[in-house]
Amino acid sequence: MRLENEVAVITGAAGGIGRETGLLFASEGACCVLADIDEELGQRVASEIVAAGGQAVFFRADVSSAADCDAMVRVAEETYGKLTILFNNAGVMMADDGDAQSTSEATWERTMAINLKGVFLGCKYGIPALQRAGGGAVINTASFVAHLGAATAQLAYTASKGGVLAMTRELAAIHARQNIRVNALCPGPLRTKLLMDFLDTEEKKQRRLVHVPMGRFGEAAEMARAALFLASHEASFVTGTEFLVDGGITSAYVTPE
């Protein structure tokens, strides 16, 4: 098993990338603390893992809350004795996120609170736990839009993910000599509820999809497999990276004829 004896905190674990990562990490031997604001779905994922013979507990956490982030890390240490993998994955994509003129301050602030501050708070409380464990891996979910900008405007989301990339680079440099690796997972367009709710017309979907050389949306399970590599000892010399798993979109972003 690739994550035997590892303990992971996964935020945004009730659905999408987080759910698939929890299922995969547990199947590879990790004990998982699944954090999310959706208690019903989060408990369901934990139960699914336990039913399959894995180890997982659910903890209700709002990642924009310092108290909640502190508590979810303490749950990992108190339940499983340590924390060795931190996956800061929780994120939002607000329906009215558009360009600078149309995006409201409330949407900007909510997006930054979850997508950027949430990663900061996860690291603020999670990295000391990794230090206590003698090292480990941090994975922060960014996005391909932090590299390119989005064809369908979503300024707050794009800016928040750019911040995640910058934070990841600096944390990687700071903690490299402490046996702590910090990497950003940068998904391309995915067939998840989060994106499909945002791209709520066929026209919007095609405007995004036309740029993807592979011609399809990615799947949450494909991102989970990428996160597994970054979390595992197979990535022992990988830190400070922007791991693009994007169907080729960043290599061939062109305007359709």
C-alpha atoms as a PDB file:
ATOM      1  CA  MET A   1       0.000   0.000   0.000  1.00  0.00           C
ATOM      2  CA  ARG A   2       1.357   3.400  -1.006  1.00  0.00           C
ATOM      3  CA  LEU A   3       0.116   5.287   2.076  1.00  0.00           C
ATOM      4  CA  GLU A   4       0.508   2.684   4.784  1.00  0.00           C
ATOM      5  CA  ASN A   5       0.959   4.274   8.247  1.00  0.00           C
ATOM      6  CA  GLU A   6       0.059   7.721   6.901  1.00  0.00           C
ATOM      7  CA  VAL A   7      -2.603  10.028   8.358  1.00  0.00           C
ATOM      8  CA  ALA A   8      -4.322  12.514   6.076  1.00  0.00           C
ATOM      9  CA  VAL A   9      -6.590  15.506   6.549  1.00  0.00           C
ATOM     10  CA  ILE A  10      -8.618  16.180   3.409  1.00  0.00           C
ATOM     11  CA  THR A  11     -10.747  19.320   3.173  1.00  0.00           C
ATOM     12  CA  GLY A  12     -13.702  19.578   0.849  1.00  0.00           C
ATOM     13  CA  ALA A  13     -14.051  15.835   1.331  1.00  0.00           C
ATOM     14  CA  ALA A  14     -17.808  15.497   0.888  1.00  0.00           C
ATOM     15  CA  GLY A  15     -17.749  15.531  -2.902  1.00  0.00           C
ATOM     16  CA  GLY A  16     -15.736  15.899  -6.076  1.00  0.00           C
ATOM     17  CA  ILE A  17     -11.953  15.671  -5.795  1.00  0.00           C
ATOM     18  CA  GLY A  18     -12.073  15.443  -2.002  1.00  0.00           C
ATOM     19  CA  ARG A  19     -14.432  12.491  -1.946  1.00  0.00           C
ATOM     20  CA  GLU A  20     -12.477  10.551  -4.558  1.00  0.00           C
ATOM     21  CA  THR A  21      -9.217  11.312  -2.775  1.00  0.00           C
ATOM     22  CA  GLY A  22     -10.558  10.122   0.564  1.00  0.00           C
ATOM     23  CA  LEU A  23     -11.698   6.837  -0.957  1.00  0.00           C
ATOM     24  CA  LEU A  24      -8.382   6.340  -2.745  1.00  0.00           C
ATOM     25  CA  PHE A  25      -6.117   7.361   0.136  1.00  0.00           C
ATOM     26  CA  ALA A  26      -7.971   5.030   2.509  1.00  0.00           C
ATOM     27  CA  SER A  27      -7.732   2.154   0.030  1.00  0.00           C
ATOM     28  CA  GLU A  28      -3.970   2.759  -0.047  1.00  0.00           C
ATOM     29  CA  GLY A  29      -3.690   2.464   3.734  1.00  0.00           C
ATOM     30  CA  ALA A  30      -4.070   6.031   5.016  1.00  0.00           C
ATOM     31  CA  CYS A  31      -6.196   6.954   8.012  1.00  0.00           C
ATOM     32  CA  CYS A  32      -8.306   9.885   6.857  1.00  0.00           C
ATOM     33  CA  VAL A  33      -9.928  12.857   8.555  1.00  0.00           C
ATOM     34  CA  LEU A  34     -12.567  14.076   6.131  1.00  0.00           C
ATOM     35  CA  ALA A  35     -13.390  17.762   6.636  1.00  0.00           C
ATOM     36  CA  ASP A  36     -16.293  19.586   5.021  1.00  0.00           C
ATOM     37  CA  ILE A  37     -19.241  21.831   5.861  1.00  0.00           C
ATOM     38  CA  ASP A  38     -21.687  19.277   4.414  1.00  0.00           C
ATOM     39  CA  GLU A  39     -22.134  16.916   7.325  1.00  0.00           C
ATOM     40  CA  GLU A  40     -24.557  14.529   5.636  1.00  0.00           C
ATOM     41  CA  LEU A  41     -22.432  13.878   2.550  1.00  0.00           C
ATOM     42  CA  GLY A  42     -19.208  13.901   4.532  1.00  0.00           C
ATOM     43  CA  GLN A  43     -20.476  11.283   6.963  1.00  0.00           C
ATOM     44  CA  ARG A  44     -21.590   9.226   3.991  1.00  0.00           C
ATOM     45  CA  VAL A  45     -18.058   9.213   2.539  1.00  0.00           C
ATOM     46  CA  ALA A  46     -16.596   8.225   5.914  1.00  0.00           C
ATOM     47  CA  SER A  47     -19.098   5.389   6.226  1.00  0.00           C
ATOM     48  CA  GLU A  48     -18.274   4.201   2.723  1.00  0.00           C
ATOM     49  CA  ILE A  49     -14.585   4.050   3.603  1.00  0.00           C
ATOM     50  CA  VAL A  50     -15.196   2.174   6.842  1.00  0.00           C
ATOM     51  CA  ALA A  51     -17.541  -0.266   5.103  1.00  0.00           C
ATOM     52  CA  ALA A  52     -14.750  -1.042   2.629  1.00  0.00           C
ATOM     53  CA  GLY A  53     -12.354  -1.810   5.488  1.00  0.00           C
ATOM     54  CA  GLY A  54     -10.583   1.543   5.650  1.00  0.00           C
ATOM     55  CA  GLN A  55     -10.185   4.046   8.465  1.00  0.00           C
ATOM     56  CA  ALA A  56     -11.847   7.450   8.351  1.00  0.00           C
ATOM     57  CA  VAL A  57     -13.682   9.949  10.505  1.00  0.00           C
ATOM     58  CA  PHE A  58     -15.667  12.972   9.451  1.00  0.00           C
ATOM     59  CA  PHE A  59     -15.206  16.404  11.014  1.00  0.00           C
ATOM     60  CA  ARG A  60     -17.436  19.337  10.166  1.00  0.00           C
ATOM     61  CA  ALA A  61     -15.175  22.275   9.365  1.00  0.00           C
ATOM     62  CA  ASP A  62     -15.462  25.623   7.649  1.00  0.00           C
ATOM     63  CA  VAL A  63     -11.936  26.198   6.338  1.00  0.00           C
ATOM     64  CA  SER A  64     -12.340  29.974   6.593  1.00  0.00           C
ATOM     65  CA  SER A  65     -12.518  29.537  10.374  1.00  0.00           C
ATOM     66  CA  ALA A  66      -9.227  29.391  12.267  1.00  0.00           C
ATOM     67  CA  ALA A  67     -10.877  27.503  15.120  1.00  0.00           C
ATOM     68  CA  ASP A  68     -12.214  24.851  12.744  1.00  0.00           C
ATOM     69  CA  CYS A  69      -8.862  24.381  11.018  1.00  0.00           C
ATOM     70  CA  ASP A  70      -7.086  24.079  14.348  1.00  0.00           C
ATOM     71  CA  ALA A  71      -9.678  21.552  15.497  1.00  0.00           C
ATOM     72  CA  MET A  72      -9.535  19.345  12.384  1.00  0.00           C
ATOM     73  CA  VAL A  73      -5.779  18.982  12.815  1.00  0.00           C
ATOM     74  CA  ARG A  74      -6.215  18.127  16.486  1.00  0.00           C
ATOM     75  CA  VAL A  75      -8.787  15.484  15.522  1.00  0.00           C
ATOM     76  CA  ALA A  76      -6.171  13.810  13.321  1.00  0.00           C
ATOM     77  CA  GLU A  77      -3.561  13.782  16.065  1.00  0.00           C
ATOM     78  CA  GLU A  78      -5.962  12.730  18.811  1.00  0.00           C
ATOM     79  CA  THR A  79      -7.635  10.016  16.727  1.00  0.00           C
ATOM     80  CA  TYR A  80      -4.685   8.593  14.810  1.00  0.00           C
ATOM     81  CA  GLY A  81      -1.648   9.902  16.701  1.00  0.00           C
ATOM     82  CA  LYS A  82      -0.167  12.172  14.052  1.00  0.00           C
ATOM     83  CA  LEU A  83      -0.684  14.053  10.807  1.00  0.00           C
ATOM     84  CA  THR A  84       1.524  13.346   7.785  1.00  0.00           C
ATOM     85  CA  ILE A  85      -0.576  14.438   4.778  1.00  0.00           C
ATOM     86  CA  LEU A  86      -2.522  17.689   4.482  1.00  0.00           C
ATOM     87  CA  PHE A  87      -4.704  18.127   1.398  1.00  0.00           C
ATOM     88  CA  ASN A  88      -6.090  21.675   1.314  1.00  0.00           C
ATOM     89  CA  ASN A  89      -8.724  21.008  -1.292  1.00  0.00           C
ATOM     90  CA  ALA A  90     -11.889  22.847  -0.221  1.00  0.00           C
ATOM     91  CA  GLY A  91     -13.014  25.513  -2.656  1.00  0.00           C
ATOM     92  CA  VAL A  92     -15.943  27.508  -3.964  1.00  0.00           C
ATOM     93  CA  MET A  93     -16.880  28.876  -7.368  1.00  0.00           C
ATOM     94  CA  MET A  94     -19.585  31.500  -6.994  1.00  0.00           C
ATOM     95  CA  ALA A  95     -22.317  31.770  -9.616  1.00  0.00           C
ATOM     96  CA  ASP A  96     -21.935  35.548 -10.036  1.00  0.00           C
ATOM     97  CA  ASP A  97     -18.133  35.501 -10.245  1.00  0.00           C
ATOM     98  CA  GLY A  98     -17.377  37.374 -13.456  1.00  0.00           C
ATOM     99  CA  ASP A  99     -15.159  40.254 -14.537  1.00  0.00           C
ATOM    100  CA  ALA A 100     -13.962  43.149 -12.382  1.00  0.00           C
ATOM    101  CA  GLN A 101     -17.096  45.177 -13.070  1.00  0.00           C
ATOM    102  CA  SER A 102     -19.701  42.492 -12.445  1.00  0.00           C
ATOM    103  CA  THR A 103     -18.159  40.610  -9.505  1.00  0.00           C
ATOM    104  CA  SER A 104     -19.568  41.803  -6.191  1.00  0.00           C
ATOM    105  CA  GLU A 105     -17.384  42.489  -3.176  1.00  0.00           C
ATOM    106  CA  ALA A 106     -19.296  39.809  -1.287  1.00  0.00           C
ATOM    107  CA  THR A 107     -18.442  37.202  -3.940  1.00  0.00           C
ATOM    108  CA  TRP A 108     -14.793  38.311  -3.966  1.00  0.00           C
ATOM    109  CA  GLU A 109     -14.539  38.112  -0.184  1.00  0.00           C
ATOM    110  CA  ARG A 110     -16.287  34.736   0.108  1.00  0.00           C
ATOM    111  CA  THR A 111     -14.104  33.247  -2.634  1.00  0.00           C
ATOM    112  CA  MET A 112     -10.919  34.508  -1.020  1.00  0.00           C
ATOM    113  CA  ALA A 113     -12.033  33.346   2.424  1.00  0.00           C
ATOM    114  CA  ILE A 114     -12.470  29.734   1.291  1.00  0.00           C
ATOM    115  CA  ASN A 115     -10.044  29.293  -1.586  1.00  0.00           C
ATOM    116  CA  LEU A 116      -7.092  31.317  -0.302  1.00  0.00           C
ATOM    117  CA  LYS A 117      -7.500  31.995   3.400  1.00  0.00           C
ATOM    118  CA  GLY A 118      -8.672  28.402   3.849  1.00  0.00           C
ATOM    119  CA  VAL A 119      -5.381  27.105   2.429  1.00  0.00           C
ATOM    120  CA  PHE A 120      -3.434  29.536   4.631  1.00  0.00           C
ATOM    121  CA  LEU A 121      -5.284  28.389   7.751  1.00  0.00           C
ATOM    122  CA  GLY A 122      -4.870  24.732   6.834  1.00  0.00           C
ATOM    123  CA  CYS A 123      -1.119  25.289   6.580  1.00  0.00           C
ATOM    124  CA  LYS A 124      -1.001  27.502   9.676  1.00  0.00           C
ATOM    125  CA  TYR A 125      -2.298  24.659  11.848  1.00  0.00           C
ATOM    126  CA  GLY A 126      -1.351  21.650   9.735  1.00  0.00           C
ATOM    127  CA  ILE A 127       2.336  22.336   9.167  1.00  0.00           C
ATOM    128  CA  PRO A 128       3.174  22.349  12.903  1.00  0.00           C
ATOM    129  CA  ALA A 129       1.534  18.914  13.106  1.00  0.00           C
ATOM    130  CA  LEU A 130       3.663  17.700  10.198  1.00  0.00           C
ATOM    131  CA  GLN A 131       6.708  19.033  12.021  1.00  0.00           C
ATOM    132  CA  ARG A 132       5.696  17.094  15.135  1.00  0.00           C
ATOM    133  CA  ALA A 133       5.380  13.959  12.989  1.00  0.00           C
ATOM    134  CA  GLY A 134       8.873  14.423  11.531  1.00  0.00           C
ATOM    135  CA  GLY A 135       7.703  15.540   8.105  1.00  0.00           C
ATOM    136  CA  GLY A 136       5.068  14.915   5.500  1.00  0.00           C
ATOM    137  CA  ALA A 137       3.301  16.285   2.454  1.00  0.00           C
ATOM    138  CA  VAL A 138       1.075  19.285   1.843  1.00  0.00           C
ATOM    139  CA  ILE A 139      -1.044  19.413  -1.308  1.00  0.00           C
ATOM    140  CA  ASN A 140      -2.903  22.621  -2.142  1.00  0.00           C
ATOM    141  CA  THR A 141      -5.573  22.579  -4.833  1.00  0.00           C
ATOM    142  CA  ALA A 142      -4.962  25.424  -7.292  1.00  0.00           C
ATOM    143  CA  SER A 143      -6.184  25.423 -10.901  1.00  0.00           C
ATOM    144  CA  PHE A 144      -5.089  25.755 -14.504  1.00  0.00           C
ATOM    145  CA  VAL A 145      -6.821  29.160 -14.575  1.00  0.00           C
ATOM    146  CA  ALA A 146      -4.091  30.536 -12.307  1.00  0.00           C
ATOM    147  CA  HIS A 147      -1.748  30.043 -15.264  1.00  0.00           C
ATOM    148  CA  LEU A 148      -3.977  31.137 -18.109  1.00  0.00           C
ATOM    149  CA  GLY A 149      -7.007  33.083 -17.014  1.00  0.00           C
ATOM    150  CA  ALA A 150     -10.433  31.720 -17.845  1.00  0.00           C
ATOM    151  CA  ALA A 151     -12.279  32.034 -21.155  1.00  0.00           C
ATOM    152  CA  THR A 152     -15.479  32.275 -19.128  1.00  0.00           C
ATOM    153  CA  ALA A 153     -14.760  35.108 -16.692  1.00  0.00           C
ATOM    154  CA  GLN A 154     -14.368  34.134 -13.015  1.00  0.00           C
ATOM    155  CA  LEU A 155     -12.001  36.760 -11.680  1.00  0.00           C
ATOM    156  CA  ALA A 156     -12.245  36.051  -7.957  1.00  0.00           C
ATOM    157  CA  TYR A 157     -11.719  32.322  -8.455  1.00  0.00           C
ATOM    158  CA  THR A 158      -8.762  32.851 -10.791  1.00  0.00           C
ATOM    159  CA  ALA A 159      -7.118  35.354  -8.444  1.00  0.00           C
ATOM    160  CA  SER A 160      -7.619  33.091  -5.432  1.00  0.00           C
ATOM    161  CA  LYS A 161      -5.957  30.175  -7.202  1.00  0.00           C
ATOM    162  CA  GLY A 162      -3.055  32.376  -8.267  1.00  0.00           C
ATOM    163  CA  GLY A 163      -2.572  33.157  -4.595  1.00  0.00           C
ATOM    164  CA  VAL A 164      -2.552  29.452  -3.783  1.00  0.00           C
ATOM    165  CA  LEU A 165       0.275  28.922  -6.270  1.00  0.00           C
ATOM    166  CA  ALA A 166       2.356  31.741  -4.802  1.00  0.00           C
ATOM    167  CA  MET A 167       1.774  30.513  -1.256  1.00  0.00           C
ATOM    168  CA  THR A 168       2.706  26.969  -2.243  1.00  0.00           C
ATOM    169  CA  ARG A 169       6.033  28.045  -3.730  1.00  0.00           C
ATOM    170  CA  GLU A 170       7.023  30.015  -0.655  1.00  0.00           C
ATOM    171  CA  LEU A 171       5.980  27.342   1.832  1.00  0.00           C
ATOM    172  CA  ALA A 172       7.912  24.746  -0.168  1.00  0.00           C
ATOM    173  CA  ALA A 173      11.058  26.839   0.094  1.00  0.00           C
ATOM    174  CA  ILE A 174      10.575  27.551   3.794  1.00  0.00           C
ATOM    175  CA  HIS A 175       9.981  23.957   4.863  1.00  0.00           C
ATOM    176  CA  ALA A 176      12.129  21.943   2.443  1.00  0.00           C
ATOM    177  CA  ARG A 177      14.833  21.252   5.045  1.00  0.00           C
ATOM    178  CA  GLN A 178      12.180  20.041   7.513  1.00  0.00           C
ATOM    179  CA  ASN A 179      11.197  16.987   5.429  1.00  0.00           C
ATOM    180  CA  ILE A 180       7.957  18.736   4.462  1.00  0.00           C
ATOM    181  CA  ARG A 181       7.028  18.821   0.793  1.00  0.00           C
ATOM    182  CA  VAL A 182       4.491  21.393  -0.427  1.00  0.00           C
ATOM    183  CA  ASN A 183       2.979  21.122  -3.897  1.00  0.00           C
ATOM    184  CA  ALA A 184       0.050  22.559  -5.806  1.00  0.00           C
ATOM    185  CA  LEU A 185      -2.339  20.332  -7.725  1.00  0.00           C
ATOM    186  CA  CYS A 186      -3.642  22.260 -10.728  1.00  0.00           C
ATOM    187  CA  PRO A 187      -6.670  20.538 -12.260  1.00  0.00           C
ATOM    188  CA  GLY A 188      -7.960  21.363 -15.687  1.00  0.00           C
ATOM    189  CA  PRO A 189     -11.698  21.637 -16.370  1.00  0.00           C
ATOM    190  CA  LEU A 190     -13.460  18.819 -14.535  1.00  0.00           C
ATOM    191  CA  ARG A 191     -16.831  17.150 -14.811  1.00  0.00           C
ATOM    192  CA  THR A 192     -17.630  17.926 -11.182  1.00  0.00           C
ATOM    193  CA  LYS A 193     -20.701  19.547  -9.690  1.00  0.00           C
ATOM    194  CA  LEU A 194     -18.660  22.638  -8.796  1.00  0.00           C
ATOM    195  CA  LEU A 195     -17.732  23.415 -12.403  1.00  0.00           C
ATOM    196  CA  MET A 196     -20.874  22.094 -14.057  1.00  0.00           C
ATOM    197  CA  ASP A 197     -22.998  24.346 -11.842  1.00  0.00           C
ATOM    198  CA  PHE A 198     -20.854  27.312 -12.905  1.00  0.00           C
ATOM    199  CA  LEU A 199     -20.849  26.392 -16.600  1.00  0.00           C
ATOM    200  CA  ASP A 200     -24.618  26.192 -16.514  1.00  0.00           C
ATOM    201  CA  THR A 201     -25.315  26.354 -20.250  1.00  0.00           C
ATOM    202  CA  GLU A 202     -24.098  24.204 -23.108  1.00  0.00           C
ATOM    203  CA  GLU A 203     -22.530  27.296 -24.656  1.00  0.00           C
ATOM    204  CA  LYS A 204     -20.409  27.900 -21.560  1.00  0.00           C
ATOM    205  CA  LYS A 205     -19.372  24.242 -21.409  1.00  0.00           C
ATOM    206  CA  GLN A 206     -18.284  24.251 -25.030  1.00  0.00           C
ATOM    207  CA  ARG A 207     -16.424  27.544 -24.597  1.00  0.00           C
ATOM    208  CA  ARG A 208     -14.290  25.834 -21.967  1.00  0.00           C
ATOM    209  CA  LEU A 209     -14.113  22.406 -23.595  1.00  0.00           C
ATOM    210  CA  VAL A 210     -13.041  23.635 -27.026  1.00  0.00           C
ATOM    211  CA  HIS A 211      -9.641  24.560 -25.584  1.00  0.00           C
ATOM    212  CA  VAL A 212      -8.912  21.091 -24.144  1.00  0.00           C
ATOM    213  CA  PRO A 213      -6.780  19.053 -26.591  1.00  0.00           C
ATOM    214  CA  MET A 214      -8.088  15.781 -25.162  1.00  0.00           C
ATOM    215  CA  GLY A 215     -11.608  16.918 -25.999  1.00  0.00           C
ATOM    216  CA  ARG A 216     -13.262  16.099 -22.690  1.00  0.00           C
ATOM    217  CA  PHE A 217     -13.628  17.239 -19.114  1.00  0.00           C
ATOM    218  CA  GLY A 218     -11.417  15.562 -16.550  1.00  0.00           C
ATOM    219  CA  GLU A 219     -12.775  13.380 -13.756  1.00  0.00           C
ATOM    220  CA  ALA A 220     -12.385  13.855 -10.020  1.00  0.00           C
ATOM    221  CA  ALA A 221     -10.903  10.367  -9.743  1.00  0.00           C
ATOM    222  CA  GLU A 222      -8.082  11.393 -12.094  1.00  0.00           C
ATOM    223  CA  MET A 223      -7.205  14.270  -9.772  1.00  0.00           C
ATOM    224  CA  ALA A 224      -7.263  11.904  -6.789  1.00  0.00           C
ATOM    225  CA  ARG A 225      -4.665   9.716  -8.472  1.00  0.00           C
ATOM    226  CA  ALA A 226      -2.464  12.758  -9.022  1.00  0.00           C
ATOM    227  CA  ALA A 227      -2.874  13.723  -5.354  1.00  0.00           C
ATOM    228  CA  LEU A 228      -1.907  10.176  -4.383  1.00  0.00           C
ATOM    229  CA  PHE A 229       1.398  10.534  -6.223  1.00  0.00           C
ATOM    230  CA  LEU A 230       2.141  13.874  -4.541  1.00  0.00           C
ATOM    231  CA  ALA A 231       1.263  12.447  -1.112  1.00  0.00           C
ATOM    232  CA  SER A 232       3.287   9.265  -1.529  1.00  0.00           C
ATOM    233  CA  HIS A 233       6.973   8.559  -1.067  1.00  0.00           C
ATOM    234  CA  GLU A 234       7.192   8.191  -4.839  1.00  0.00           C
ATOM    235  CA  ALA A 235       7.267  12.012  -4.885  1.00  0.00           C
ATOM    236  CA  SER A 236      10.064  12.235  -2.307  1.00  0.00           C
ATOM    237  CA  PHE A 237      12.070  14.745  -4.406  1.00  0.00           C
ATOM    238  CA  VAL A 238       9.056  16.762  -5.548  1.00  0.00           C
ATOM    239  CA  THR A 239       8.334  20.068  -3.831  1.00  0.00           C
ATOM    240  CA  GLY A 240       7.282  23.551  -4.903  1.00  0.00           C
ATOM    241  CA  THR A 241       5.718  22.229  -8.102  1.00  0.00           C
ATOM    242  CA  GLU A 242       2.595  23.200  -9.982  1.00  0.00           C
ATOM    243  CA  PHE A 243       1.346  19.780 -10.971  1.00  0.00           C
ATOM    244  CA  LEU A 244      -0.870  20.429 -13.983  1.00  0.00           C
ATOM    245  CA  VAL A 245      -3.390  17.662 -14.652  1.00  0.00           C
ATOM    246  CA  ASP A 246      -5.337  19.447 -17.320  1.00  0.00           C
ATOM    247  CA  GLY A 247      -5.855  17.407 -20.480  1.00  0.00           C
ATOM    248  CA  GLY A 248      -3.261  19.587 -22.222  1.00  0.00           C
ATOM    249  CA  ILE A 249      -5.177  22.858 -21.967  1.00  0.00           C
ATOM    250  CA  THR A 250      -2.201  24.909 -20.766  1.00  0.00           C
ATOM    251  CA  SER A 251      -0.043  23.674 -23.614  1.00  0.00           C
ATOM    252  CA  ALA A 252      -2.530  24.562 -26.362  1.00  0.00           C
ATOM    253  CA  TYR A 253      -4.785  27.381 -25.210  1.00  0.00           C
ATOM    254  CA  VAL A 254      -5.957  28.890 -28.479  1.00  0.00           C
ATOM    255  CA  THR A 255      -8.935  30.850 -29.700  1.00  0.00           C
ATOM    256  CA  PRO A 256     -11.205  28.626 -31.786  1.00  0.00           C
ATOM    257  CA  GLU A 257     -11.788  29.603 -35.405  1.00  0.00           C
END
